[in-house]
Protein backbone atom coordinates (compact mmCIF):
# COMPACT_ATOMS: atom_id res chain seq x y z
CA MET A 1 10.44 30.94 10.68
CA THR A 2 10.56 33.76 12.63
CA ALA A 3 9.72 33.60 16.55
CA GLN A 4 6.78 35.58 16.87
CA PRO A 5 6.60 35.74 21.21
CA ASN A 6 3.90 38.41 21.17
CA ASN A 7 1.53 36.63 18.69
CA PRO A 8 -0.44 33.95 20.80
CA LEU A 9 -1.93 32.87 17.52
CA HIS A 10 1.47 32.17 16.18
CA GLY A 11 1.29 28.77 14.36
CA ILE A 12 -2.02 28.13 14.71
CA THR A 13 -4.62 28.02 11.83
CA LEU A 14 -7.80 29.86 11.15
CA GLU A 15 -8.94 26.22 10.30
CA THR A 16 -8.12 25.01 13.96
CA VAL A 17 -9.33 28.00 15.57
CA LEU A 18 -12.57 27.81 13.83
CA THR A 19 -12.91 23.73 14.21
CA THR A 20 -11.90 24.58 18.33
CA LEU A 21 -14.73 27.12 18.05
CA VAL A 22 -17.41 25.09 16.51
CA GLU A 23 -16.44 21.94 18.31
CA HIS A 24 -16.65 23.93 21.93
CA TYR A 25 -19.74 26.06 21.44
CA GLY A 26 -21.65 24.75 18.03
CA TRP A 27 -22.69 26.37 15.16
CA ALA A 28 -25.77 28.03 16.72
CA GLU A 29 -23.91 29.11 19.79
CA LEU A 30 -21.50 30.27 17.81
CA CYS A 31 -23.85 32.48 15.85
CA LYS A 32 -25.23 33.89 19.30
CA LEU A 33 -21.60 35.07 20.14
CA ILE A 34 -20.49 36.40 17.08
CA ASN A 35 -23.25 37.41 14.77
CA LEU A 36 -22.19 36.05 11.05
CA GLN A 37 -24.24 34.90 8.56
CA CYS A 38 -21.71 31.92 7.75
CA PHE A 39 -22.28 30.59 11.53
CA PHE A 40 -25.99 30.60 10.57
CA ASN A 41 -27.05 30.10 7.18
CA ASN A 42 -26.13 26.54 6.23
CA PRO A 43 -22.35 27.01 8.12
CA SER A 44 -19.76 24.55 7.34
CA ILE A 45 -15.82 24.94 7.84
CA LYS A 46 -15.35 25.37 4.26
CA SER A 47 -17.65 27.87 3.65
CA SER A 48 -16.76 29.92 6.94
CA LEU A 49 -13.03 29.81 6.31
CA LYS A 50 -13.80 31.48 2.86
CA PHE A 51 -15.60 34.30 4.27
CA LEU A 52 -13.34 34.86 7.21
CA ARG A 53 -10.45 34.80 5.09
CA GLN A 54 -11.69 37.71 3.25
CA THR A 55 -13.16 39.85 6.02
CA PRO A 56 -10.72 40.81 8.43
CA TRP A 57 -12.84 42.14 10.97
CA ALA A 58 -14.87 39.15 11.19
CA ARG A 59 -11.71 37.06 11.12
CA LYS A 60 -10.59 39.22 14.17
CA LYS A 61 -13.86 38.65 16.32
CA VAL A 62 -13.48 34.83 15.56
CA GLU A 63 -9.38 34.87 16.68
CA ASP A 64 -10.61 37.18 19.70
CA LEU A 65 -13.10 34.39 21.24
CA TYR A 66 -10.75 31.48 20.27
CA LEU A 67 -8.00 33.40 22.53
CA SER A 68 -10.68 34.07 25.33
CA LEU A 69 -11.60 30.53 25.32
CA LYS A 70 -7.56 29.47 25.45
CA GLY A 71 -6.63 31.89 27.53
């Protein structure tokens, strides 16, 4: 595996990112911070991951929020 010193998300899965955000903010607050239907309409980790993996702009917003939380 190649080291990625400039990638703060290296080695962190999208599932870990999302689970951390849900545990910290909860679904309702997460939906307020990033207005995505997958966080509002019957939210689950599995359905949200499916959406985020297919939607790069939404994934970037989630990853940016995670980085600001961990920063």
